[in-house]
Amino acid sequence: MSRICELTGKRTISGNNVSHANNRTKRKFYPNIQKKKFFVPETGKWITLKLSTSAIRNINKKGITAYLRELEKKGVRV
């Protein structure tokens, strides 16, 4: 399962663990990805998406259709 948000495109980034002695070792920062079902009233169907929690909060705030329209205006392919 890839850790990529289907709407915002957030993905794993890399960085360093830094010890007290300032030794650096590679590590990964994972986005908080959740599977979530949404009901789309226009189509009358349920859709399941893998989303970051920030995208889920935006959908709860604005609604699924308004959020998808906003992403299309920005040029994100949905």
Protein backbone atom coordinates (compact mmCIF):
# COMPACT_ATOMS: atom_id res chain seq x y z
CA MET A 1 0.00 0.00 0.00
CA SER A 2 1.60 3.25 -1.08
CA ARG A 3 1.45 6.07 1.43
CA ILE A 4 0.18 8.78 -0.90
CA CYS A 5 -2.93 10.93 -0.39
CA GLU A 6 -5.18 10.53 -3.43
CA LEU A 7 -6.33 14.16 -3.39
CA THR A 8 -3.53 16.30 -1.99
CA GLY A 9 -0.62 14.14 -3.21
CA LYS A 10 1.13 14.16 0.16
CA ARG A 11 3.74 11.43 0.30
CA THR A 12 6.63 10.08 2.35
CA ILE A 13 9.59 12.45 2.73
CA SER A 14 13.07 11.64 3.98
CA GLY A 15 15.20 13.27 6.61
CA ASN A 16 17.68 12.48 9.35
CA ASN A 17 17.64 11.18 12.90
CA VAL A 18 20.10 13.39 14.78
CA SER A 19 21.70 12.06 17.96
CA HIS A 20 23.22 14.03 20.85
CA ALA A 21 26.63 13.49 19.24
CA ASN A 22 25.16 14.98 16.03
CA ASN A 23 25.39 11.64 14.19
CA ARG A 24 22.91 11.58 11.31
CA THR A 25 21.10 8.52 10.02
CA LYS A 26 18.45 8.46 7.33
CA ARG A 27 14.78 8.13 8.31
CA LYS A 28 11.36 8.60 6.74
CA PHE A 29 8.48 10.87 7.68
CA TYR A 30 5.16 9.22 6.79
CA PRO A 31 1.94 11.18 6.18
CA ASN A 32 -1.08 10.25 8.31
CA ILE A 33 -3.05 8.36 5.64
CA GLN A 34 -6.51 6.94 6.44
CA LYS A 35 -9.07 5.02 4.37
CA LYS A 36 -12.39 6.88 4.43
CA LYS A 37 -15.76 6.35 2.73
CA PHE A 38 -17.71 9.37 1.48
CA PHE A 39 -21.22 9.60 0.09
CA VAL A 40 -21.45 11.72 -3.07
CA PRO A 41 -25.04 13.03 -3.27
CA GLU A 42 -24.81 14.01 -6.97
CA THR A 43 -24.09 10.44 -8.05
CA GLY A 44 -25.85 8.72 -5.15
CA LYS A 45 -22.81 6.48 -4.59
CA TRP A 46 -20.23 5.83 -1.89
CA ILE A 47 -16.55 6.24 -2.74
CA THR A 48 -13.56 5.02 -0.73
CA LEU A 49 -10.44 7.18 -0.72
CA LYS A 50 -7.02 7.02 0.94
CA LEU A 51 -6.59 10.53 2.32
CA SER A 52 -4.34 12.48 4.62
CA THR A 53 -6.07 13.70 7.77
CA SER A 54 -5.73 17.31 6.60
CA ALA A 55 -7.71 16.44 3.45
CA ILE A 56 -10.39 14.73 5.58
CA ARG A 57 -10.68 17.88 7.71
CA ASN A 58 -11.07 20.05 4.60
CA ILE A 59 -13.77 17.75 3.22
CA ASN A 60 -15.64 17.84 6.54
CA LYS A 61 -15.41 21.63 6.52
CA LYS A 62 -16.33 22.34 2.87
CA GLY A 63 -18.11 19.20 1.64
CA ILE A 64 -16.85 16.59 -0.80
CA THR A 65 -18.12 18.19 -4.02
CA ALA A 66 -16.93 21.70 -3.14
CA TYR A 67 -13.49 20.36 -2.20
CA LEU A 68 -13.19 18.37 -5.45
CA ARG A 69 -14.21 21.45 -7.48
CA GLU A 70 -11.60 23.52 -5.64
CA LEU A 71 -8.89 20.95 -6.45
CA GLU A 72 -9.89 20.94 -10.13
CA LYS A 73 -9.54 24.74 -10.25
CA LYS A 74 -6.00 24.39 -8.86
CA GLY A 75 -5.22 21.88 -11.60
CA VAL A 76 -5.11 18.71 -9.51
CA ARG A 77 -6.41 15.73 -11.49
CA VAL A 78 -9.15 14.00 -9.50
